[in-house]
C-alpha atoms as a PDB file:
ATOM      1  CA  CYS A   1     111.901  87.066 109.799  1.00  0.00           C
ATOM      2  CA  ARG A   2     115.294  85.095 108.502  1.00  0.00           C
ATOM      3  CA  GLN A   3     113.311  82.653 106.787  1.00  0.00           C
ATOM      4  CA  ALA A   4     110.709  84.995 105.211  1.00  0.00           C
ATOM      5  CA  LEU A   5     111.017  85.095 101.256  1.00  0.00           C
ATOM      6  CA  ARG A   6     112.327  88.184  99.956  1.00  0.00           C
ATOM      7  CA  SER A   7     113.351  89.299  96.380  1.00  0.00           C
ATOM      8  CA  THR A   8     116.589  90.985  97.344  1.00  0.00           C
ATOM      9  CA  ALA A   9     118.899  90.900 100.229  1.00  0.00           C
ATOM     10  CA  GLY A  10     118.783  93.827 102.533  1.00  0.00           C
ATOM     11  CA  PRO A  11     118.539  94.862 106.275  1.00  0.00           C
ATOM     12  CA  GLU A  12     117.264  92.294 108.497  1.00  0.00           C
ATOM     13  CA  VAL A  13     113.574  92.543 109.699  1.00  0.00           C
ATOM     14  CA  ASP A  14     113.155  94.328 113.443  1.00  0.00           C
ATOM     15  CA  PHE A  15     110.660  91.561 114.788  1.00  0.00           C
ATOM     16  CA  ALA A  16     109.207  93.795 117.440  1.00  0.00           C
ATOM     17  CA  ARG A  17     108.747  96.935 115.357  1.00  0.00           C
ATOM     18  CA  ALA A  18     106.982  94.761 112.541  1.00  0.00           C
ATOM     19  CA  GLU A  19     104.800  93.256 115.200  1.00  0.00           C
ATOM     20  CA  ARG A  20     103.775  96.888 116.270  1.00  0.00           C
ATOM     21  CA  GLU A  21     103.388  97.872 112.897  1.00  0.00           C
ATOM     22  CA  HIS A  22     100.931  94.908 112.138  1.00  0.00           C
ATOM     23  CA  GLN A  23      99.233  95.505 115.559  1.00  0.00           C
ATOM     24  CA  LEU A  24      98.764  99.228 114.391  1.00  0.00           C
ATOM     25  CA  TYR A  25      97.245  98.142 111.078  1.00  0.00           C
ATOM     26  CA  VAL A  26      94.938  95.639 112.916  1.00  0.00           C
ATOM     27  CA  GLY A  27      93.940  98.112 115.163  1.00  0.00           C
ATOM     28  CA  VAL A  28      92.808 100.672 112.275  1.00  0.00           C
ATOM     29  CA  LEU A  29      90.704  98.093 110.576  1.00  0.00           C
ATOM     30  CA  ARG A  30      88.983  96.949 113.947  1.00  0.00           C
ATOM     31  CA  GLY A  31      89.034 100.075 116.262  1.00  0.00           C
ATOM     32  CA  LYS A  32      88.997 103.090 114.154  1.00  0.00           C
ATOM     33  CA  LEU A  33      86.807 101.672 111.223  1.00  0.00           C
ATOM     34  CA  GLY A  34      84.706  99.375 113.059  1.00  0.00           C
ATOM     35  CA  LEU A  35      85.515  96.341 110.742  1.00  0.00           C
ATOM     36  CA  GLN A  36      84.927  92.688 111.999  1.00  0.00           C
ATOM     37  CA  VAL A  37      88.590  91.258 111.884  1.00  0.00           C
ATOM     38  CA  LEU A  38      89.481  87.515 111.930  1.00  0.00           C
ATOM     39  CA  GLU A  39      92.874  87.016 112.815  1.00  0.00           C
ATOM     40  CA  LEU A  40      94.637  83.530 111.519  1.00  0.00           C
ATOM     41  CA  PRO A  41      96.745  82.092 114.167  1.00  0.00           C
ATOM     42  CA  ALA A  42     100.498  82.538 113.624  1.00  0.00           C
ATOM     43  CA  ASP A  43     102.099  79.390 111.958  1.00  0.00           C
ATOM     44  CA  GLU A  44     105.832  79.312 112.807  1.00  0.00           C
ATOM     45  CA  SER A  45     106.432  77.039 110.235  1.00  0.00           C
ATOM     46  CA  LEU A  46     105.383  79.116 107.430  1.00  0.00           C
ATOM     47  CA  PRO A  47     107.178  82.437 107.640  1.00  0.00           C
ATOM     48  CA  ASP A  48     105.375  84.171 104.940  1.00  0.00           C
ATOM     49  CA  CYS A  49     101.947  83.425 106.566  1.00  0.00           C
ATOM     50  CA  VAL A  50     101.385  87.138 107.483  1.00  0.00           C
ATOM     51  CA  PHE A  51     100.643  87.899 104.086  1.00  0.00           C
ATOM     52  CA  VAL A  52      97.216  86.606 103.805  1.00  0.00           C
ATOM     53  CA  GLU A  53      96.491  88.292 100.907  1.00  0.00           C
ATOM     54  CA  ASP A  54      98.239  85.653  98.334  1.00  0.00           C
ATOM     55  CA  ALA A  55      96.285  82.751  99.728  1.00  0.00           C
ATOM     56  CA  ALA A  56      92.460  83.625  98.520  1.00  0.00           C
ATOM     57  CA  VAL A  57      90.635  86.019  96.242  1.00  0.00           C
ATOM     58  CA  VAL A  58      87.294  86.784  97.395  1.00  0.00           C
ATOM     59  CA  CYS A  59      84.442  88.616  95.654  1.00  0.00           C
ATOM     60  CA  GLU A  60      80.923  88.801  96.789  1.00  0.00           C
ATOM     61  CA  GLU A  61      79.914  85.302  97.970  1.00  0.00           C
ATOM     62  CA  THR A  62      82.786  83.427  96.381  1.00  0.00           C
ATOM     63  CA  ALA A  63      86.325  82.984  97.620  1.00  0.00           C
ATOM     64  CA  LEU A  64      88.988  81.216  95.639  1.00  0.00           C
ATOM     65  CA  LEU A  65      91.676  79.628  97.328  1.00  0.00           C
ATOM     66  CA  THR A  66      94.897  80.017  95.187  1.00  0.00           C
ATOM     67  CA  ARG A  67      97.840  77.961  94.492  1.00  0.00           C
ATOM     68  CA  PRO A  68     100.775  80.539  95.559  1.00  0.00           C
ATOM     69  CA  GLY A  69     103.551  80.469  93.269  1.00  0.00           C
ATOM     70  CA  ALA A  70     106.094  79.815  95.936  1.00  0.00           C
ATOM     71  CA  PRO A  71     105.941  76.076  96.934  1.00  0.00           C
ATOM     72  CA  SER A  72     107.252  76.886 100.592  1.00  0.00           C
ATOM     73  CA  ARG A  73     103.693  78.833 101.018  1.00  0.00           C
ATOM     74  CA  ARG A  74     101.178  76.139  99.690  1.00  0.00           C
ATOM     75  CA  LYS A  75     100.208  75.224 103.099  1.00  0.00           C
ATOM     76  CA  GLU A  76      99.227  78.920 104.107  1.00  0.00           C
ATOM     77  CA  VAL A  77      96.190  78.055 102.082  1.00  0.00           C
ATOM     78  CA  GLU A  78      94.947  75.342 104.690  1.00  0.00           C
ATOM     79  CA  ALA A  79      94.434  77.860 107.523  1.00  0.00           C
ATOM     80  CA  MET A  80      92.701  80.559 105.061  1.00  0.00           C
ATOM     81  CA  LYS A  81      90.311  77.408 103.873  1.00  0.00           C
ATOM     82  CA  ARG A  82      89.039  76.938 107.584  1.00  0.00           C
ATOM     83  CA  VAL A  83      88.079  80.640 108.389  1.00  0.00           C
ATOM     84  CA  LEU A  84      86.639  81.330 104.565  1.00  0.00           C
ATOM     85  CA  GLU A  85      84.447  78.220 105.275  1.00  0.00           C
ATOM     86  CA  SER A  86      83.128  79.658 108.776  1.00  0.00           C
ATOM     87  CA  LEU A  87      81.907  82.574 106.510  1.00  0.00           C
ATOM     88  CA  ASN A  88      79.705  80.373 104.469  1.00  0.00           C
ATOM     89  CA  LEU A  89      81.339  81.551 101.389  1.00  0.00           C
ATOM     90  CA  ASN A  90      81.244  79.481  98.022  1.00  0.00           C
ATOM     91  CA  MET A  91      84.521  77.965  98.017  1.00  0.00           C
ATOM     92  CA  VAL A  92      86.356  76.986  95.046  1.00  0.00           C
ATOM     93  CA  GLU A  93      89.855  75.492  95.211  1.00  0.00           C
ATOM     94  CA  MET A  94      92.718  75.741  92.877  1.00  0.00           C
ATOM     95  CA  VAL A  95      93.846  72.078  92.330  1.00  0.00           C
ATOM     96  CA  ASP A  96      95.203  72.133  88.712  1.00  0.00           C
ATOM     97  CA  GLU A  97      99.156  71.587  89.757  1.00  0.00           C
ATOM     98  CA  ASN A  98      99.990  73.517  86.408  1.00  0.00           C
ATOM     99  CA  ALA A  99      98.582  76.782  87.858  1.00  0.00           C
ATOM    100  CA  THR A 100      99.949  79.309  90.593  1.00  0.00           C
ATOM    101  CA  LEU A 101      98.052  82.371  91.392  1.00  0.00           C
ATOM    102  CA  ASP A 102      99.120  84.738  94.355  1.00  0.00           C
ATOM    103  CA  GLY A 103      96.284  87.348  95.530  1.00  0.00           C
ATOM    104  CA  GLY A 104      99.006  90.220  95.148  1.00  0.00           C
ATOM    105  CA  ASP A 105      98.748  89.681  91.480  1.00  0.00           C
ATOM    106  CA  VAL A 106      94.793  90.160  91.251  1.00  0.00           C
ATOM    107  CA  LEU A 107      93.515  93.599  90.977  1.00  0.00           C
ATOM    108  CA  PHE A 108      89.735  93.818  91.279  1.00  0.00           C
ATOM    109  CA  THR A 109      88.520  97.445  90.233  1.00  0.00           C
ATOM    110  CA  GLY A 110      85.084  96.824  91.186  1.00  0.00           C
ATOM    111  CA  ARG A 111      84.250  96.416  87.387  1.00  0.00           C
ATOM    112  CA  GLU A 112      87.075  93.910  86.371  1.00  0.00           C
ATOM    113  CA  PHE A 113      89.900  91.696  87.350  1.00  0.00           C
ATOM    114  CA  PHE A 114      93.467  92.585  86.103  1.00  0.00           C
ATOM    115  CA  VAL A 115      95.896  89.792  87.129  1.00  0.00           C
ATOM    116  CA  GLY A 116      99.478  90.160  86.839  1.00  0.00           C
ATOM    117  CA  LEU A 117     101.543  87.566  85.156  1.00  0.00           C
ATOM    118  CA  SER A 118     104.685  87.331  87.393  1.00  0.00           C
ATOM    119  CA  LYS A 119     107.093  85.025  88.779  1.00  0.00           C
ATOM    120  CA  ARG A 120     104.193  83.664  91.358  1.00  0.00           C
ATOM    121  CA  THR A 121     101.245  83.714  88.948  1.00  0.00           C
ATOM    122  CA  ASN A 122     100.985  82.009  85.555  1.00  0.00           C
ATOM    123  CA  GLN A 123      98.428  82.005  82.843  1.00  0.00           C
ATOM    124  CA  ARG A 124      96.498  78.738  83.800  1.00  0.00           C
ATOM    125  CA  GLY A 125      96.084  80.673  87.392  1.00  0.00           C
ATOM    126  CA  ALA A 126      94.552  83.444  85.495  1.00  0.00           C
ATOM    127  CA  GLU A 127      92.201  81.233  83.620  1.00  0.00           C
ATOM    128  CA  ILE A 128      90.815  79.645  86.689  1.00  0.00           C
ATOM    129  CA  LEU A 129      90.305  82.670  88.354  1.00  0.00           C
ATOM    130  CA  ALA A 130      88.308  83.875  85.295  1.00  0.00           C
ATOM    131  CA  ASP A 131      86.290  80.677  85.404  1.00  0.00           C
ATOM    132  CA  THR A 132      85.545  81.516  89.003  1.00  0.00           C
ATOM    133  CA  PHE A 133      84.389  84.951  88.301  1.00  0.00           C
ATOM    134  CA  LYS A 134      82.296  84.654  85.319  1.00  0.00           C
ATOM    135  CA  ASP A 135      80.456  87.809  85.828  1.00  0.00           C
ATOM    136  CA  TYR A 136      83.508  89.863  85.511  1.00  0.00           C
ATOM    137  CA  ALA A 137      85.980  90.503  82.688  1.00  0.00           C
ATOM    138  CA  VAL A 138      89.786  89.323  83.294  1.00  0.00           C
ATOM    139  CA  SER A 139      92.580  90.933  81.591  1.00  0.00           C
ATOM    140  CA  THR A 140      96.436  89.572  82.113  1.00  0.00           C
ATOM    141  CA  VAL A 141      99.024  92.148  82.843  1.00  0.00           C
ATOM    142  CA  PRO A 142     102.762  91.131  82.307  1.00  0.00           C
ATOM    143  CA  VAL A 143     104.984  91.970  85.360  1.00  0.00           C
ATOM    144  CA  HIS A 144     108.484  91.731  85.103  1.00  0.00           C
ATOM    145  CA  ASP A 145     110.604  93.945  87.636  1.00  0.00           C
ATOM    146  CA  SER A 146     108.411  93.364  90.523  1.00  0.00           C
ATOM    147  CA  LEU A 147     106.889  90.760  92.903  1.00  0.00           C
ATOM    148  CA  HIS A 148     103.483  91.157  92.188  1.00  0.00           C
ATOM    149  CA  LEU A 149     101.134  93.590  90.203  1.00  0.00           C
ATOM    150  CA  LYS A 150      99.900  95.042  93.318  1.00  0.00           C
ATOM    151  CA  SER A 151     103.653  95.945  94.365  1.00  0.00           C
ATOM    152  CA  PHE A 152     103.447  99.274  92.334  1.00  0.00           C
ATOM    153  CA  CYS A 153      99.298  99.731  91.850  1.00  0.00           C
ATOM    154  CA  SER A 154      96.233  99.304  93.597  1.00  0.00           C
ATOM    155  CA  MET A 155      92.642 100.872  93.854  1.00  0.00           C
ATOM    156  CA  ALA A 156      92.651 104.412  95.497  1.00  0.00           C
ATOM    157  CA  GLY A 157      88.791 105.138  95.053  1.00  0.00           C
ATOM    158  CA  PRO A 158      85.933 103.645  93.014  1.00  0.00           C
ATOM    159  CA  ASN A 159      87.583 104.361  89.795  1.00  0.00           C
ATOM    160  CA  LEU A 160      90.648 105.684  90.634  1.00  0.00           C
ATOM    161  CA  ILE A 161      93.730 103.546  90.277  1.00  0.00           C
ATOM    162  CA  ALA A 162      96.937 104.469  92.537  1.00  0.00           C
ATOM    163  CA  ILE A 163     100.118 103.819  90.413  1.00  0.00           C
ATOM    164  CA  GLY A 164     103.775 103.898  90.604  1.00  0.00           C
ATOM    165  CA  SER A 165     105.698 106.522  88.335  1.00  0.00           C
ATOM    166  CA  SER A 166     108.564 103.892  87.093  1.00  0.00           C
ATOM    167  CA  GLU A 167     108.541 102.980  83.917  1.00  0.00           C
ATOM    168  CA  ALA A 168     107.366  99.593  84.644  1.00  0.00           C
ATOM    169  CA  ALA A 169     104.602 100.581  86.561  1.00  0.00           C
ATOM    170  CA  GLN A 170     103.437 102.981  83.798  1.00  0.00           C
ATOM    171  CA  LYS A 171     103.779 100.327  81.378  1.00  0.00           C
ATOM    172  CA  ALA A 172     101.395  98.080  83.270  1.00  0.00           C
ATOM    173  CA  LEU A 173      98.923 100.955  83.399  1.00  0.00           C
ATOM    174  CA  LYS A 174      99.274 101.501  79.819  1.00  0.00           C
ATOM    175  CA  THR A 175      98.308  97.676  79.279  1.00  0.00           C
ATOM    176  CA  MET A 176      95.186  97.934  81.567  1.00  0.00           C
ATOM    177  CA  GLN A 177      94.081 100.725  79.906  1.00  0.00           C
ATOM    178  CA  GLN A 178      94.198  98.987  76.472  1.00  0.00           C
ATOM    179  CA  MET A 179      92.398  95.767  77.735  1.00  0.00           C
ATOM    180  CA  SER A 180      89.686  97.935  79.279  1.00  0.00           C
ATOM    181  CA  ASP A 181      86.479  98.940  78.149  1.00  0.00           C
ATOM    182  CA  HIS A 182      86.219 101.414  81.066  1.00  0.00           C
ATOM    183  CA  ARG A 183      88.239 104.368  81.494  1.00  0.00           C
ATOM    184  CA  TYR A 184      89.719 104.705  85.045  1.00  0.00           C
ATOM    185  CA  ASP A 185      90.997 107.962  86.824  1.00  0.00           C
ATOM    186  CA  LYS A 186      94.910 107.616  87.830  1.00  0.00           C
ATOM    187  CA  LEU A 187      96.838 109.076  90.797  1.00  0.00           C
ATOM    188  CA  THR A 188     100.265 108.509  90.236  1.00  0.00           C
ATOM    189  CA  VAL A 189     102.885 108.467  93.023  1.00  0.00           C
ATOM    190  CA  PRO A 190     106.468 109.182  92.921  1.00  0.00           C
ATOM    191  CA  ASP A 191     107.289 105.719  94.687  1.00  0.00           C
ATOM    192  CA  ASP A 192     105.933 102.392  93.635  1.00  0.00           C
ATOM    193  CA  ALA A 193     105.528 100.823  96.957  1.00  0.00           C
ATOM    194  CA  ALA A 194     103.467 103.927  98.196  1.00  0.00           C
ATOM    195  CA  ALA A 195     101.207 103.115  95.324  1.00  0.00           C
ATOM    196  CA  ASN A 196      99.805 100.133  97.191  1.00  0.00           C
ATOM    197  CA  CYS A 197      96.995 101.402  99.447  1.00  0.00           C
ATOM    198  CA  ILE A 198      93.728 100.146 100.689  1.00  0.00           C
ATOM    199  CA  TYR A 199      90.480 101.667  99.740  1.00  0.00           C
ATOM    200  CA  LEU A 200      87.400 101.103 101.646  1.00  0.00           C
ATOM    201  CA  ASN A 201      83.839 102.339 101.284  1.00  0.00           C
ATOM    202  CA  ILE A 202      82.292 102.235 104.565  1.00  0.00           C
ATOM    203  CA  PRO A 203      78.664 103.381 105.003  1.00  0.00           C
ATOM    204  CA  SER A 204      78.974 105.327 108.061  1.00  0.00           C
ATOM    205  CA  LYS A 205      82.712 106.690 107.272  1.00  0.00           C
ATOM    206  CA  GLY A 206      82.386 107.107 103.501  1.00  0.00           C
ATOM    207  CA  HIS A 207      85.752 106.846 101.055  1.00  0.00           C
ATOM    208  CA  VAL A 208      88.662 105.745 103.702  1.00  0.00           C
ATOM    209  CA  LEU A 209      92.266 105.101 102.457  1.00  0.00           C
ATOM    210  CA  LEU A 210      95.223 103.669 104.036  1.00  0.00           C
ATOM    211  CA  HIS A 211      98.083 104.898 102.644  1.00  0.00           C
ATOM    212  CA  ARG A 212     101.750 104.455 103.559  1.00  0.00           C
ATOM    213  CA  ALA A 213     103.394 107.160 106.056  1.00  0.00           C
ATOM    214  CA  PRO A 214     104.659 110.448 105.366  1.00  0.00           C
ATOM    215  CA  GLU A 215     107.933 109.642 107.168  1.00  0.00           C
ATOM    216  CA  GLU A 216     108.369 106.426 104.905  1.00  0.00           C
ATOM    217  CA  TYR A 217     107.314 108.172 101.619  1.00  0.00           C
ATOM    218  CA  PRO A 218     107.041 111.741 101.905  1.00  0.00           C
ATOM    219  CA  GLU A 219     106.624 112.642  98.507  1.00  0.00           C
ATOM    220  CA  SER A 220     103.793 110.191  98.155  1.00  0.00           C
ATOM    221  CA  ALA A 221     102.209 111.063 101.052  1.00  0.00           C
ATOM    222  CA  LYS A 222     101.546 114.598  99.531  1.00  0.00           C
ATOM    223  CA  VAL A 223      99.840 113.248  96.561  1.00  0.00           C
ATOM    224  CA  PHE A 224      97.236 111.327  98.656  1.00  0.00           C
ATOM    225  CA  GLU A 225      96.787 114.184 100.731  1.00  0.00           C
ATOM    226  CA  LYS A 226      95.050 115.805  97.573  1.00  0.00           C
ATOM    227  CA  LEU A 227      92.099 113.653  98.034  1.00  0.00           C
ATOM    228  CA  LYS A 228      90.022 115.538  99.709  1.00  0.00           C
ATOM    229  CA  ASP A 229      86.810 113.646  99.783  1.00  0.00           C
ATOM    230  CA  HIS A 230      88.505 110.585 101.546  1.00  0.00           C
ATOM    231  CA  MET A 231      89.324 109.706 105.103  1.00  0.00           C
ATOM    232  CA  LEU A 232      93.151 109.389 104.994  1.00  0.00           C
ATOM    233  CA  ILE A 233      95.016 106.918 107.170  1.00  0.00           C
ATOM    234  CA  PRO A 234      98.590 106.802 106.922  1.00  0.00           C
ATOM    235  CA  ILE A 235     100.064 103.278 108.160  1.00  0.00           C
ATOM    236  CA  ALA A 236     103.735 102.453 108.472  1.00  0.00           C
ATOM    237  CA  ASN A 237     105.030  99.384 106.698  1.00  0.00           C
ATOM    238  CA  THR A 238     108.737  99.604 107.028  1.00  0.00           C
ATOM    239  CA  GLU A 239     109.518  96.113 108.647  1.00  0.00           C
ATOM    240  CA  LEU A 240     107.231  94.054 106.341  1.00  0.00           C
ATOM    241  CA  GLU A 241     108.379  95.698 103.305  1.00  0.00           C
ATOM    242  CA  LYS A 242     111.926  94.526 103.752  1.00  0.00           C
ATOM    243  CA  VAL A 243     110.448  91.125 102.878  1.00  0.00           C
ATOM    244  CA  ASP A 244     108.268  92.236 100.029  1.00  0.00           C
ATOM    245  CA  GLY A 245     105.287  92.910 102.112  1.00  0.00           C
ATOM    246  CA  ALA A 246     102.746  95.819 101.038  1.00  0.00           C
ATOM    247  CA  LEU A 247      99.620  97.251 102.713  1.00  0.00           C
ATOM    248  CA  THR A 248      97.219  95.024 100.861  1.00  0.00           C
ATOM    249  CA  CYS A 249      99.222  91.828 101.738  1.00  0.00           C
ATOM    250  CA  CYS A 250      98.353  91.782 105.290  1.00  0.00           C
ATOM    251  CA  SER A 251      94.455  91.330 104.852  1.00  0.00           C
ATOM    252  CA  VAL A 252      91.566  89.989 102.912  1.00  0.00           C
ATOM    253  CA  LEU A 253      88.606  92.358 102.583  1.00  0.00           C
ATOM    254  CA  ILE A 254      85.332  90.734 102.290  1.00  0.00           C
ATOM    255  CA  ASN A 255      81.926  92.414 101.887  1.00  0.00           C
ATOM    256  CA  LYS A 256      79.747  90.473 104.133  1.00  0.00           C
ATOM    257  CA  THR A 257      77.789  91.140 107.095  1.00  0.00           C
ATOM    258  CA  SER A 258      78.486  88.225 109.107  1.00  0.00           C
ATOM    259  CA  GLU A 259      77.178  87.099 112.887  1.00  0.00           C
ATOM    260  CA  LEU A 260      81.031  86.048 114.144  1.00  0.00           C
END
């Protein structure tokens, strides 16, 4: 906990509580939603390895192994490579030493990609992502005051972008709207961190949304509760948030039926 990267100094992570919150998160995906969950072994030499989202971008049958912007995180990609290879995905490795890309900067809407240009992701990383997923438009969005693009936005439905209400978040949304040929609906929540949620469309369950718990962000939770067509599942993420972790950070969602 003490070695994990963090953008601002703050209270120490309560490891036992972090573990409980993460187990609940995994339990929801596996037990409540019936997804197959592959858990990577913890690596004590890589304190940020719980944030698996940054190590790969998976779309359809292709997996792009990223080159994380923080040098201390580059070895995380090796474990991700092994597990994705076992799923027989088309593997693309980012080997250009001038490129950086964190999965937390990649928002896939189902129609196109938005890539945040942040302290962790640069233009060359975005170009390699565009080369990898040629079937989709890729637009870049400047990110200044947050770690990642998805620190303040995510998909909350098939055509619905959840977005924080800060000036920086709203400015980024405006950029996305200007770049896109498509019109998205938006769901504005008072807290930027709460705008990071996980949307799933599961055949037997329909629209499912994992969002931050009411005890953490009561006003934002009220906004999510207006989504009457969704199965809403509140998830606490109090401890990992102290080291810049959000709900999407802790999983890579792969739309693949696999005999594991």
